[in-house]
C-alpha atoms as a PDB file:
ATOM      1  CA  UNK A   1      -3.608   7.888  20.134  1.00  0.00           C
ATOM      2  CA  UNK A   2      -5.075   4.387  19.880  1.00  0.00           C
ATOM      3  CA  UNK A   3      -3.210   1.635  17.978  1.00  0.00           C
ATOM      4  CA  UNK A   4      -4.678  -1.654  16.853  1.00  0.00           C
ATOM      5  CA  UNK A   5      -3.384  -4.511  14.681  1.00  0.00           C
ATOM      6  CA  UNK A   6      -5.652  -7.157  13.206  1.00  0.00           C
ATOM      7  CA  UNK A   7      -6.227  -9.462  10.256  1.00  0.00           C
ATOM      8  CA  UNK A   8      -9.317  -9.175   8.088  1.00  0.00           C
ATOM      9  CA  UNK A   9      -9.848 -11.804   5.379  1.00  0.00           C
ATOM     10  CA  UNK A  10      -6.121 -12.557   5.450  1.00  0.00           C
ATOM     11  CA  UNK A  11      -4.982  -8.920   5.198  1.00  0.00           C
ATOM     12  CA  UNK A  12      -2.881  -7.676   8.124  1.00  0.00           C
ATOM     13  CA  UNK A  13      -3.818  -4.100   9.067  1.00  0.00           C
ATOM     14  CA  UNK A  14      -2.191  -1.618  11.423  1.00  0.00           C
ATOM     15  CA  UNK A  15      -4.670   1.040  12.538  1.00  0.00           C
ATOM     16  CA  UNK A  16      -3.962   4.248  14.443  1.00  0.00           C
ATOM     17  CA  UNK A  17      -6.737   6.591  15.590  1.00  0.00           C
ATOM     18  CA  UNK A  18      -7.002   9.824  17.528  1.00  0.00           C
ATOM     19  CA  UNK A  19      -7.457   9.252  21.271  1.00  0.00           C
ATOM     20  CA  UNK A  20     -10.537  11.457  21.492  1.00  0.00           C
ATOM     21  CA  UNK A  21     -12.531   8.948  19.413  1.00  0.00           C
ATOM     22  CA  UNK A  22     -13.484  11.472  16.736  1.00  0.00           C
ATOM     23  CA  UNK A  23     -11.911  11.416  13.327  1.00  0.00           C
ATOM     24  CA  UNK A  24     -11.837  13.143   9.993  1.00  0.00           C
ATOM     25  CA  UNK A  25     -12.137  10.961   6.882  1.00  0.00           C
ATOM     26  CA  UNK A  26     -10.141   7.730   7.285  1.00  0.00           C
ATOM     27  CA  UNK A  27      -6.797   7.435   5.508  1.00  0.00           C
ATOM     28  CA  UNK A  28      -5.947   4.100   3.876  1.00  0.00           C
ATOM     29  CA  UNK A  29      -2.209   3.695   3.281  1.00  0.00           C
ATOM     30  CA  UNK A  30      -0.971   1.360   0.504  1.00  0.00           C
ATOM     31  CA  UNK A  31       2.713   0.415   0.586  1.00  0.00           C
ATOM     32  CA  UNK A  32       4.939  -0.239  -2.422  1.00  0.00           C
ATOM     33  CA  UNK A  33       6.657  -3.428  -3.562  1.00  0.00           C
ATOM     34  CA  UNK A  34       9.069  -5.075  -1.115  1.00  0.00           C
ATOM     35  CA  UNK A  35       7.509  -2.985   1.699  1.00  0.00           C
ATOM     36  CA  UNK A  36       4.784  -3.425   4.299  1.00  0.00           C
ATOM     37  CA  UNK A  37       2.582  -1.484   6.687  1.00  0.00           C
ATOM     38  CA  UNK A  38       5.724  -0.597   8.638  1.00  0.00           C
ATOM     39  CA  UNK A  39       6.432   1.940   5.849  1.00  0.00           C
ATOM     40  CA  UNK A  40       3.833   4.174   7.476  1.00  0.00           C
ATOM     41  CA  UNK A  41       4.907   3.844  11.146  1.00  0.00           C
ATOM     42  CA  UNK A  42       5.970   7.512  11.399  1.00  0.00           C
ATOM     43  CA  UNK A  43       3.068   8.852   9.340  1.00  0.00           C
ATOM     44  CA  UNK A  44       0.210   7.207  11.239  1.00  0.00           C
ATOM     45  CA  UNK A  45       0.888   8.792  14.668  1.00  0.00           C
ATOM     46  CA  UNK A  46       1.396  12.177  12.986  1.00  0.00           C
ATOM     47  CA  UNK A  47      -2.008  11.990  11.302  1.00  0.00           C
ATOM     48  CA  UNK A  48      -3.694  10.655  14.462  1.00  0.00           C
ATOM     49  CA  UNK A  49      -2.446  13.733  16.339  1.00  0.00           C
ATOM     50  CA  UNK A  50      -4.078  15.870  13.632  1.00  0.00           C
ATOM     51  CA  UNK A  51      -7.415  14.030  13.961  1.00  0.00           C
ATOM     52  CA  UNK A  52      -7.244  11.342  11.271  1.00  0.00           C
ATOM     53  CA  UNK A  53      -7.770   7.619  11.740  1.00  0.00           C
ATOM     54  CA  UNK A  54      -5.473   5.677   9.431  1.00  0.00           C
ATOM     55  CA  UNK A  55      -5.156   2.093   8.321  1.00  0.00           C
ATOM     56  CA  UNK A  56      -1.996   0.655   6.750  1.00  0.00           C
ATOM     57  CA  UNK A  57      -2.634  -2.612   4.960  1.00  0.00           C
ATOM     58  CA  UNK A  58      -0.245  -5.284   3.726  1.00  0.00           C
ATOM     59  CA  UNK A  59      -0.512  -6.949   0.357  1.00  0.00           C
ATOM     60  CA  UNK A  60      -0.956 -10.705   0.425  1.00  0.00           C
ATOM     61  CA  UNK A  61       2.451 -12.412   0.758  1.00  0.00           C
ATOM     62  CA  UNK A  62       3.860  -9.293   2.481  1.00  0.00           C
ATOM     63  CA  UNK A  63       4.721  -8.819   6.144  1.00  0.00           C
ATOM     64  CA  UNK A  64       2.000 -10.462   8.268  1.00  0.00           C
ATOM     65  CA  UNK A  65      -0.727 -10.891   5.630  1.00  0.00           C
ATOM     66  CA  UNK A  66      -1.576 -14.359   4.376  1.00  0.00           C
ATOM     67  CA  UNK A  67       1.121 -16.033   2.329  1.00  0.00           C
ATOM     68  CA  UNK A  68       0.055 -17.222  -1.100  1.00  0.00           C
ATOM     69  CA  UNK A  69       1.241 -20.354  -2.865  1.00  0.00           C
ATOM     70  CA  UNK A  70       4.421 -19.296  -4.670  1.00  0.00           C
ATOM     71  CA  UNK A  71       2.975 -20.094  -8.116  1.00  0.00           C
ATOM     72  CA  UNK A  72       0.021 -17.767  -7.380  1.00  0.00           C
ATOM     73  CA  UNK A  73       2.156 -15.003  -5.857  1.00  0.00           C
ATOM     74  CA  UNK A  74       4.569 -14.935  -8.799  1.00  0.00           C
ATOM     75  CA  UNK A  75       1.723 -14.485 -11.302  1.00  0.00           C
ATOM     76  CA  UNK A  76      -0.038 -11.643  -9.484  1.00  0.00           C
ATOM     77  CA  UNK A  77      -0.408  -8.322 -11.260  1.00  0.00           C
ATOM     78  CA  UNK A  78      -0.606  -4.974  -9.487  1.00  0.00           C
ATOM     79  CA  UNK A  79      -4.290  -4.841 -10.411  1.00  0.00           C
ATOM     80  CA  UNK A  80      -4.781  -8.007  -8.313  1.00  0.00           C
ATOM     81  CA  UNK A  81      -3.663  -6.093  -5.209  1.00  0.00           C
ATOM     82  CA  UNK A  82      -6.834  -4.020  -5.461  1.00  0.00           C
ATOM     83  CA  UNK A  83      -8.394  -7.044  -3.721  1.00  0.00           C
ATOM     84  CA  UNK A  84      -6.527  -6.240  -0.501  1.00  0.00           C
ATOM     85  CA  UNK A  85      -7.561  -2.580  -0.704  1.00  0.00           C
ATOM     86  CA  UNK A  86     -11.204  -3.594  -1.248  1.00  0.00           C
ATOM     87  CA  UNK A  87     -11.101  -5.954   1.752  1.00  0.00           C
ATOM     88  CA  UNK A  88      -9.937  -3.178   4.080  1.00  0.00           C
ATOM     89  CA  UNK A  89     -11.998  -0.357   2.521  1.00  0.00           C
ATOM     90  CA  UNK A  90     -15.259  -2.259   2.948  1.00  0.00           C
ATOM     91  CA  UNK A  91     -14.677  -2.278   6.735  1.00  0.00           C
ATOM     92  CA  UNK A  92     -14.903   1.529   6.758  1.00  0.00           C
ATOM     93  CA  UNK A  93     -18.107   3.494   7.357  1.00  0.00           C
ATOM     94  CA  UNK A  94     -16.889   6.323   5.171  1.00  0.00           C
ATOM     95  CA  UNK A  95     -15.173   6.802   1.807  1.00  0.00           C
ATOM     96  CA  UNK A  96     -11.412   6.827   2.501  1.00  0.00           C
ATOM     97  CA  UNK A  97      -8.570   9.071   1.523  1.00  0.00           C
ATOM     98  CA  UNK A  98      -6.180   6.745  -0.318  1.00  0.00           C
ATOM     99  CA  UNK A  99      -2.404   7.275  -0.018  1.00  0.00           C
ATOM    100  CA  UNK A 100      -0.192   5.088  -2.196  1.00  0.00           C
ATOM    101  CA  UNK A 101       3.592   4.931  -2.376  1.00  0.00           C
ATOM    102  CA  UNK A 102       5.578   3.703  -5.387  1.00  0.00           C
ATOM    103  CA  UNK A 103       3.904   0.545  -6.749  1.00  0.00           C
ATOM    104  CA  UNK A 104       1.172   1.157  -4.160  1.00  0.00           C
ATOM    105  CA  UNK A 105       0.539   4.440  -5.980  1.00  0.00           C
ATOM    106  CA  UNK A 106      -0.380   2.524  -9.111  1.00  0.00           C
ATOM    107  CA  UNK A 107      -2.566   0.175  -7.037  1.00  0.00           C
ATOM    108  CA  UNK A 108      -4.269   3.286  -5.590  1.00  0.00           C
ATOM    109  CA  UNK A 109      -4.909   4.626  -9.096  1.00  0.00           C
ATOM    110  CA  UNK A 110      -6.389   1.312 -10.234  1.00  0.00           C
ATOM    111  CA  UNK A 111      -8.582   1.155  -7.104  1.00  0.00           C
ATOM    112  CA  UNK A 112      -9.806   4.726  -7.710  1.00  0.00           C
ATOM    113  CA  UNK A 113     -10.983   3.855 -11.232  1.00  0.00           C
ATOM    114  CA  UNK A 114     -13.482   1.372  -9.754  1.00  0.00           C
ATOM    115  CA  UNK A 115     -14.359   2.819  -6.326  1.00  0.00           C
ATOM    116  CA  UNK A 116     -15.143   6.230  -4.854  1.00  0.00           C
ATOM    117  CA  UNK A 117     -12.310   7.894  -2.958  1.00  0.00           C
ATOM    118  CA  UNK A 118     -12.411  11.063  -0.860  1.00  0.00           C
ATOM    119  CA  UNK A 119      -8.940  12.046  -2.106  1.00  0.00           C
ATOM    120  CA  UNK A 120      -6.064  10.298  -3.818  1.00  0.00           C
ATOM    121  CA  UNK A 121      -2.496  11.031  -2.690  1.00  0.00           C
ATOM    122  CA  UNK A 122       0.355   9.511  -4.714  1.00  0.00           C
ATOM    123  CA  UNK A 123       3.900   9.512  -3.328  1.00  0.00           C
ATOM    124  CA  UNK A 124       6.571   8.684  -5.937  1.00  0.00           C
ATOM    125  CA  UNK A 125       3.987   6.585  -7.801  1.00  0.00           C
ATOM    126  CA  UNK A 126       4.608   4.158 -10.594  1.00  0.00           C
ATOM    127  CA  UNK A 127       2.794   5.540 -13.594  1.00  0.00           C
ATOM    128  CA  UNK A 128       0.572   3.457 -15.859  1.00  0.00           C
ATOM    129  CA  UNK A 129       2.536   2.009 -18.767  1.00  0.00           C
ATOM    130  CA  UNK A 130       0.759   4.270 -21.256  1.00  0.00           C
ATOM    131  CA  UNK A 131       2.092   7.452 -19.606  1.00  0.00           C
ATOM    132  CA  UNK A 132       5.203   6.201 -17.814  1.00  0.00           C
ATOM    133  CA  UNK A 133       8.728   7.210 -18.586  1.00  0.00           C
ATOM    134  CA  UNK A 134      11.333   5.047 -20.278  1.00  0.00           C
ATOM    135  CA  UNK A 135      11.701   1.529 -18.897  1.00  0.00           C
ATOM    136  CA  UNK A 136      14.302   0.812 -16.249  1.00  0.00           C
ATOM    137  CA  UNK A 137      16.186  -2.390 -17.041  1.00  0.00           C
ATOM    138  CA  UNK A 138      16.098  -4.734 -14.049  1.00  0.00           C
ATOM    139  CA  UNK A 139      17.357  -8.286 -14.264  1.00  0.00           C
ATOM    140  CA  UNK A 140      15.412 -10.751 -12.164  1.00  0.00           C
ATOM    141  CA  UNK A 141      14.402 -14.381 -12.004  1.00  0.00           C
ATOM    142  CA  UNK A 142      10.669 -14.859 -12.664  1.00  0.00           C
ATOM    143  CA  UNK A 143      10.686 -18.051 -10.591  1.00  0.00           C
ATOM    144  CA  UNK A 144      11.418 -16.117  -7.350  1.00  0.00           C
ATOM    145  CA  UNK A 145       9.989 -13.034  -5.651  1.00  0.00           C
ATOM    146  CA  UNK A 146      11.979  -9.900  -6.440  1.00  0.00           C
ATOM    147  CA  UNK A 147      13.852  -8.495  -3.453  1.00  0.00           C
ATOM    148  CA  UNK A 148      14.740  -4.857  -3.061  1.00  0.00           C
ATOM    149  CA  UNK A 149      18.224  -4.243  -4.486  1.00  0.00           C
ATOM    150  CA  UNK A 150      21.215  -3.220  -2.374  1.00  0.00           C
ATOM    151  CA  UNK A 151      21.339   0.510  -1.662  1.00  0.00           C
ATOM    152  CA  UNK A 152      23.980   1.423  -4.309  1.00  0.00           C
ATOM    153  CA  UNK A 153      21.909  -0.300  -7.022  1.00  0.00           C
ATOM    154  CA  UNK A 154      18.644   1.272  -5.772  1.00  0.00           C
ATOM    155  CA  UNK A 155      20.311   4.680  -5.717  1.00  0.00           C
ATOM    156  CA  UNK A 156      21.359   4.318  -9.355  1.00  0.00           C
ATOM    157  CA  UNK A 157      17.927   2.976 -10.403  1.00  0.00           C
ATOM    158  CA  UNK A 158      15.735   5.501  -8.625  1.00  0.00           C
ATOM    159  CA  UNK A 159      17.825   8.592  -7.859  1.00  0.00           C
ATOM    160  CA  UNK A 160      19.970   9.091 -10.957  1.00  0.00           C
END
């Protein structure tokens, strides 16, 4: 297994590849809100052992990707995060398999409406507003980035 970390156009990427140098279609992992490429740290070695090269990107203003001015970051929409996916996908020689988790699942869906994908895998994805379930009431201050809630609150919000 070969691991590599790098920044491309401000996007921090963690890449893991099979040690034999051959690979099936590349897998591009997209994390959810309040997460980073570290979300995939157990998945990437597993897939490398099975012959897949994978890349886990970080949205701007997340983990080690470029920080944005706060006024820009606070106004970003999930559709804006497609930019980060495009930056990493264009470095690939082959159409990727896209795996998105939570809010990254919605980003993956938006990306797939504009770009070819080999496969689209959605793990606990946020659904588009037009087909989503009832809204979950979350109080937050629009002048600050939203932080993941404490476990008891998250449990009530997402596992009730």
